[in-house]
Amino acid sequence: MQVGSIVKSSHIAVPQGAVGIVTRILGNMAMVRWYAGQPGASRELNTEPFFLEDLEDTGDILPAGASLTLQ
């Protein structure tokens, strides 16, 4: 998992069907920007820290030059 990885989670704090983008990794935690559905094509929900073990890496990475701004 790396910055820009697209993730999902079954954690209780994440709405069902939400998709996130990892914006920062520090140790065993990641800041994730969550979206109601596909990032960039759906409403942004929030940004929260999560343990890496609570995230499912989809294997997709935000394409270079995408219109989403990572902080």
Protein backbone atom coordinates (compact mmCIF):
# COMPACT_ATOMS: atom_id res chain seq x y z
CA MET A 1 0.00 0.00 0.00
CA GLN A 2 1.26 3.46 -0.86
CA VAL A 3 0.05 7.04 -1.13
CA GLY A 4 -2.52 7.09 -3.91
CA SER A 5 -3.69 3.50 -3.31
CA ILE A 6 -7.43 3.02 -3.66
CA VAL A 7 -8.87 1.13 -0.71
CA LYS A 8 -12.08 -0.26 0.76
CA SER A 9 -12.89 -1.29 4.32
CA SER A 10 -15.48 -3.28 6.21
CA HIS A 11 -14.71 -1.22 9.35
CA ILE A 12 -17.84 0.02 11.15
CA ALA A 13 -16.77 3.67 10.63
CA VAL A 14 -16.83 3.31 6.82
CA PRO A 15 -20.19 3.40 5.03
CA GLN A 16 -20.92 0.33 2.92
CA GLY A 17 -19.75 0.83 -0.67
CA ALA A 18 -17.39 3.70 0.19
CA VAL A 19 -14.04 3.86 -1.61
CA GLY A 20 -11.01 5.68 -0.25
CA ILE A 21 -7.70 7.08 -1.39
CA VAL A 22 -4.66 6.86 0.87
CA THR A 23 -3.28 10.38 1.23
CA ARG A 24 -0.55 9.78 3.83
CA ILE A 25 1.09 6.81 5.57
CA LEU A 26 2.77 7.05 8.96
CA GLY A 27 3.92 3.80 10.53
CA ASN A 28 0.98 1.40 10.75
CA MET A 29 -1.65 4.06 10.03
CA ALA A 30 -2.91 5.79 6.90
CA MET A 31 -4.96 8.92 6.31
CA VAL A 32 -7.77 8.01 3.94
CA ARG A 33 -10.05 10.36 2.00
CA TRP A 34 -13.38 8.52 1.66
CA TYR A 35 -15.93 8.88 -1.14
CA ALA A 36 -19.51 7.58 -1.36
CA GLY A 37 -18.51 5.64 -4.48
CA GLN A 38 -15.88 6.07 -7.16
CA PRO A 39 -13.35 8.78 -6.13
CA GLY A 40 -13.76 11.90 -8.25
CA ALA A 41 -17.19 10.81 -9.50
CA SER A 42 -19.03 10.78 -6.17
CA ARG A 43 -19.48 12.89 -3.06
CA GLU A 44 -16.50 13.20 -0.70
CA LEU A 45 -17.42 11.90 2.76
CA ASN A 46 -14.49 12.65 5.09
CA THR A 47 -10.80 12.08 5.76
CA GLU A 48 -9.84 9.87 8.69
CA PRO A 49 -6.87 7.89 10.03
CA PHE A 50 -7.12 4.10 9.83
CA PHE A 51 -4.86 1.24 10.80
CA LEU A 52 -3.43 -0.38 7.67
CA GLU A 53 -4.83 -3.74 8.84
CA ASP A 54 -8.39 -2.31 8.56
CA LEU A 55 -7.95 -1.39 4.89
CA GLU A 56 -8.35 -3.59 1.80
CA ASP A 57 -6.04 -2.53 -1.00
CA THR A 58 -7.94 -2.88 -4.29
CA GLY A 59 -4.69 -3.00 -6.24
CA ASP A 60 -5.58 0.24 -8.02
CA ILE A 61 -3.59 3.43 -7.70
CA LEU A 62 -4.75 6.97 -8.40
CA PRO A 63 -3.45 7.70 -11.93
CA ALA A 64 -0.71 10.31 -12.28
CA GLY A 65 -2.21 13.65 -13.23
CA ALA A 66 -5.67 12.81 -11.86
CA SER A 67 -7.85 15.77 -10.95
CA LEU A 68 -7.97 14.83 -7.24
CA THR A 69 -5.49 16.74 -5.08
CA LEU A 70 -3.66 14.67 -2.47
CA GLN A 71 -2.45 16.48 0.62
